[in-house]
Amino acid sequence: MPAASANPNPAFDCFCPECLAAHETAPEALKQPVLVEGEDYYFEDGLLVMTALYHIKRGSCCGSRCKWCPFDPKYELGATNLATEMKL
């Protein structure tokens, strides 16, 4: 089966039987977190919007100009300092 993303990570993005079996036995640190709708994300006008809480749990800015980026400097890939106030 094809990879699930443009930058495939064999530990997470391949759904062939071998990779699925390997994922099931992977250490917890390598497994993807379970996302909770309303807490980690929501849908707005058909778009998936990640919440500030999701980004805080993620630990750093993804650099994708997310609506609720909680980091300072805002939108800077890899930023880890939390902004002291969020501007809506």
N, C-alpha and C. Protein backbone atom coordinates (compact mmCIF):
# COMPACT_ATOMS: atom_id res chain seq x y z
N MET A 1 0.84 -1.18 0.00
CA MET A 1 0.00 0.00 0.00
C MET A 1 0.89 1.24 0.00
N PRO A 2 0.40 2.34 -0.55
CA PRO A 2 1.20 3.56 -0.57
C PRO A 2 1.30 4.20 0.81
N ALA A 3 2.32 5.00 1.01
CA ALA A 3 2.47 5.72 2.26
C ALA A 3 1.32 6.71 2.41
N ALA A 4 0.99 7.06 3.66
CA ALA A 4 -0.15 7.93 3.94
C ALA A 4 0.21 9.40 3.89
N SER A 5 1.47 9.76 3.73
CA SER A 5 1.83 11.17 3.68
C SER A 5 2.93 11.40 2.66
N ALA A 6 3.18 12.67 2.36
CA ALA A 6 4.20 13.03 1.39
C ALA A 6 5.60 12.75 1.92
N ASN A 7 5.77 12.82 3.24
CA ASN A 7 7.05 12.52 3.90
C ASN A 7 6.86 11.29 4.77
N PRO A 8 6.81 10.12 4.17
CA PRO A 8 6.45 8.93 4.92
C PRO A 8 7.43 8.60 6.05
N ASN A 9 6.85 8.15 7.12
CA ASN A 9 7.59 7.62 8.25
C ASN A 9 7.15 6.17 8.37
N PRO A 10 8.01 5.22 8.04
CA PRO A 10 7.59 3.82 8.01
C PRO A 10 6.97 3.33 9.31
N ALA A 11 7.31 3.95 10.43
CA ALA A 11 6.74 3.51 11.70
C ALA A 11 5.27 3.86 11.82
N PHE A 12 4.79 4.84 11.04
CA PHE A 12 3.42 5.30 11.21
C PHE A 12 2.59 5.35 9.94
N ASP A 13 3.20 5.51 8.78
CA ASP A 13 2.47 5.86 7.59
C ASP A 13 2.19 4.71 6.62
N CYS A 14 2.74 3.58 6.84
CA CYS A 14 2.51 2.46 5.94
C CYS A 14 1.48 1.52 6.57
N PHE A 15 0.53 1.06 5.76
CA PHE A 15 -0.53 0.22 6.28
C PHE A 15 -0.45 -1.22 5.78
N CYS A 16 0.73 -1.63 5.33
CA CYS A 16 0.88 -3.02 4.91
C CYS A 16 0.87 -3.89 6.17
N PRO A 17 0.57 -5.16 6.04
CA PRO A 17 0.48 -6.03 7.22
C PRO A 17 1.75 -6.04 8.08
N GLU A 18 2.91 -6.00 7.44
CA GLU A 18 4.16 -6.03 8.20
C GLU A 18 4.32 -4.77 9.06
N CYS A 19 4.04 -3.60 8.47
CA CYS A 19 4.19 -2.35 9.21
C CYS A 19 3.14 -2.21 10.30
N LEU A 20 1.91 -2.66 10.00
CA LEU A 20 0.88 -2.61 11.04
C LEU A 20 1.26 -3.50 12.22
N ALA A 21 1.81 -4.67 11.94
CA ALA A 21 2.24 -5.56 13.01
C ALA A 21 3.39 -4.94 13.79
N ALA A 22 4.32 -4.32 13.10
CA ALA A 22 5.45 -3.68 13.77
C ALA A 22 4.98 -2.52 14.63
N HIS A 23 3.98 -1.77 14.15
CA HIS A 23 3.45 -0.64 14.91
C HIS A 23 2.81 -1.13 16.21
N GLU A 24 2.11 -2.24 16.14
CA GLU A 24 1.45 -2.78 17.33
C GLU A 24 2.46 -3.18 18.41
N THR A 25 3.65 -3.57 17.99
CA THR A 25 4.66 -4.00 18.97
C THR A 25 5.69 -2.90 19.25
N ALA A 26 5.51 -1.72 18.64
CA ALA A 26 6.45 -0.62 18.84
C ALA A 26 6.37 -0.09 20.27
N PRO A 27 7.48 0.39 20.80
CA PRO A 27 7.45 1.00 22.13
C PRO A 27 6.46 2.17 22.16
N GLU A 28 5.85 2.41 23.31
CA GLU A 28 4.86 3.48 23.44
C GLU A 28 5.37 4.81 22.94
N ALA A 29 6.64 5.12 23.13
CA ALA A 29 7.20 6.41 22.72
C ALA A 29 7.14 6.61 21.22
N LEU A 30 7.07 5.52 20.44
CA LEU A 30 7.04 5.64 18.99
C LEU A 30 5.63 5.68 18.43
N LYS A 31 4.64 5.36 19.24
CA LYS A 31 3.27 5.33 18.75
C LYS A 31 2.69 6.73 18.69
N GLN A 32 1.83 6.97 17.70
CA GLN A 32 1.19 8.27 17.56
C GLN A 32 0.13 8.43 18.64
N PRO A 33 -0.01 9.66 19.17
CA PRO A 33 -1.02 9.89 20.21
C PRO A 33 -2.43 9.82 19.63
N VAL A 34 -3.38 9.49 20.49
CA VAL A 34 -4.78 9.49 20.10
C VAL A 34 -5.28 10.93 20.25
N LEU A 35 -5.84 11.49 19.19
CA LEU A 35 -6.35 12.85 19.23
C LEU A 35 -7.82 12.85 19.61
N VAL A 36 -8.22 13.84 20.41
CA VAL A 36 -9.58 13.95 20.89
C VAL A 36 -10.25 15.16 20.25
N GLU A 37 -11.34 14.93 19.52
CA GLU A 37 -12.05 16.04 18.90
C GLU A 37 -12.61 16.95 19.98
N GLY A 38 -12.46 18.25 19.79
CA GLY A 38 -12.92 19.23 20.76
C GLY A 38 -11.84 19.62 21.75
N GLU A 39 -10.86 18.75 21.92
CA GLU A 39 -9.74 19.04 22.82
C GLU A 39 -8.48 19.33 22.02
N ASP A 40 -8.17 18.45 21.08
CA ASP A 40 -6.96 18.59 20.27
C ASP A 40 -7.25 19.23 18.91
N TYR A 41 -8.46 19.12 18.42
CA TYR A 41 -8.81 19.66 17.12
C TYR A 41 -10.32 19.85 17.02
N TYR A 42 -10.72 20.60 16.02
CA TYR A 42 -12.13 20.75 15.67
C TYR A 42 -12.20 21.07 14.18
N PHE A 43 -13.39 21.04 13.64
CA PHE A 43 -13.58 21.37 12.23
C PHE A 43 -14.26 22.72 12.11
N GLU A 44 -13.74 23.55 11.20
CA GLU A 44 -14.30 24.87 10.95
C GLU A 44 -14.38 25.06 9.44
N ASP A 45 -15.59 25.24 8.95
CA ASP A 45 -15.81 25.41 7.52
C ASP A 45 -15.16 24.28 6.71
N GLY A 46 -15.25 23.07 7.23
CA GLY A 46 -14.71 21.91 6.54
C GLY A 46 -13.22 21.71 6.70
N LEU A 47 -12.55 22.58 7.46
CA LEU A 47 -11.10 22.47 7.67
C LEU A 47 -10.80 21.94 9.06
N LEU A 48 -9.76 21.14 9.15
CA LEU A 48 -9.29 20.64 10.43
C LEU A 48 -8.45 21.72 11.10
N VAL A 49 -8.82 22.10 12.32
CA VAL A 49 -8.11 23.14 13.05
C VAL A 49 -7.54 22.53 14.32
N MET A 50 -6.22 22.62 14.48
CA MET A 50 -5.57 22.09 15.68
C MET A 50 -5.62 23.17 16.77
N THR A 51 -5.93 22.76 18.00
CA THR A 51 -6.07 23.71 19.11
C THR A 51 -4.71 24.07 19.70
N ALA A 52 -4.70 25.13 20.50
CA ALA A 52 -3.48 25.52 21.21
C ALA A 52 -3.04 24.39 22.14
N LEU A 53 -4.00 23.73 22.79
CA LEU A 53 -3.66 22.63 23.69
C LEU A 53 -2.92 21.52 22.94
N TYR A 54 -3.37 21.20 21.73
CA TYR A 54 -2.67 20.20 20.93
C TYR A 54 -1.22 20.61 20.71
N HIS A 55 -1.02 21.87 20.33
CA HIS A 55 0.33 22.34 20.06
C HIS A 55 1.20 22.34 21.32
N ILE A 56 0.60 22.69 22.44
CA ILE A 56 1.36 22.66 23.70
C ILE A 56 1.78 21.23 24.01
N LYS A 57 0.86 20.27 23.83
CA LYS A 57 1.21 18.86 24.04
C LYS A 57 2.27 18.40 23.05
N ARG A 58 2.21 18.93 21.82
CA ARG A 58 3.19 18.58 20.78
C ARG A 58 4.58 19.04 21.20
N GLY A 59 4.65 20.22 21.84
CA GLY A 59 5.91 20.67 22.39
C GLY A 59 6.68 21.71 21.60
N SER A 60 6.31 21.91 20.33
CA SER A 60 7.02 22.91 19.53
C SER A 60 6.15 23.33 18.35
N CYS A 61 6.50 24.47 17.78
CA CYS A 61 5.75 25.01 16.64
C CYS A 61 6.05 24.18 15.39
N CYS A 62 5.01 23.91 14.62
CA CYS A 62 5.17 23.15 13.38
C CYS A 62 5.48 24.06 12.20
N GLY A 63 5.35 25.38 12.39
CA GLY A 63 5.67 26.32 11.32
C GLY A 63 4.62 26.42 10.24
N SER A 64 3.40 25.92 10.49
CA SER A 64 2.35 25.91 9.47
C SER A 64 1.37 27.07 9.58
N ARG A 65 1.70 28.07 10.38
CA ARG A 65 0.85 29.25 10.58
C ARG A 65 -0.53 28.88 11.11
N CYS A 66 -0.55 28.01 12.10
CA CYS A 66 -1.80 27.54 12.69
C CYS A 66 -2.54 28.67 13.39
N LYS A 67 -3.85 28.61 13.32
CA LYS A 67 -4.72 29.63 13.89
C LYS A 67 -4.45 29.84 15.38
N TRP A 68 -4.23 28.78 16.13
CA TRP A 68 -4.07 28.87 17.58
C TRP A 68 -2.63 28.61 18.03
N CYS A 69 -1.66 29.05 17.25
CA CYS A 69 -0.25 28.84 17.61
C CYS A 69 0.03 29.50 18.97
N PRO A 70 0.45 28.72 19.97
CA PRO A 70 0.69 29.26 21.31
C PRO A 70 2.15 29.65 21.57
N PHE A 71 2.99 29.60 20.54
CA PHE A 71 4.41 29.79 20.74
C PHE A 71 4.88 31.20 20.41
N ASP A 72 6.01 31.55 20.98
CA ASP A 72 6.64 32.84 20.74
C ASP A 72 8.10 32.58 20.38
N PRO A 73 8.55 32.99 19.20
CA PRO A 73 7.81 33.74 18.18
C PRO A 73 6.80 32.86 17.46
N LYS A 74 5.69 33.49 17.14
CA LYS A 74 4.58 32.80 16.51
C LYS A 74 4.98 32.31 15.11
N TYR A 75 4.57 31.10 14.78
CA TYR A 75 4.76 30.47 13.46
C TYR A 75 6.22 30.13 13.13
N GLU A 76 7.12 30.18 14.09
CA GLU A 76 8.52 29.85 13.81
C GLU A 76 8.75 28.36 14.08
N LEU A 77 9.06 27.63 13.03
CA LEU A 77 9.28 26.19 13.13
C LEU A 77 10.25 25.87 14.26
N GLY A 78 9.83 25.00 15.17
CA GLY A 78 10.68 24.56 16.26
C GLY A 78 10.62 25.41 17.51
N ALA A 79 9.92 26.56 17.47
CA ALA A 79 9.82 27.41 18.67
C ALA A 79 9.19 26.63 19.81
N THR A 80 9.72 26.79 21.01
CA THR A 80 9.20 26.05 22.16
C THR A 80 8.74 26.95 23.30
N ASN A 81 9.06 28.24 23.24
CA ASN A 81 8.62 29.15 24.30
C ASN A 81 7.15 29.47 24.11
N LEU A 82 6.38 29.32 25.18
CA LEU A 82 4.96 29.64 25.10
C LEU A 82 4.78 31.16 25.19
N ALA A 83 3.88 31.69 24.37
CA ALA A 83 3.57 33.12 24.40
C ALA A 83 2.92 33.45 25.74
N THR A 84 3.19 34.61 26.26
CA THR A 84 2.61 34.99 27.55
C THR A 84 1.15 35.36 27.39
N GLU A 85 0.74 35.77 26.20
CA GLU A 85 -0.68 36.06 25.94
C GLU A 85 -0.98 35.69 24.51
N MET A 86 -2.16 35.15 24.28
CA MET A 86 -2.56 34.76 22.94
C MET A 86 -3.48 35.82 22.37
N LYS A 87 -3.18 36.30 21.19
CA LYS A 87 -4.02 37.28 20.52
C LYS A 87 -4.94 36.56 19.55
N LEU A 88 -6.22 36.82 19.66
CA LEU A 88 -7.20 36.16 18.79
C LEU A 88 -7.37 36.94 17.50
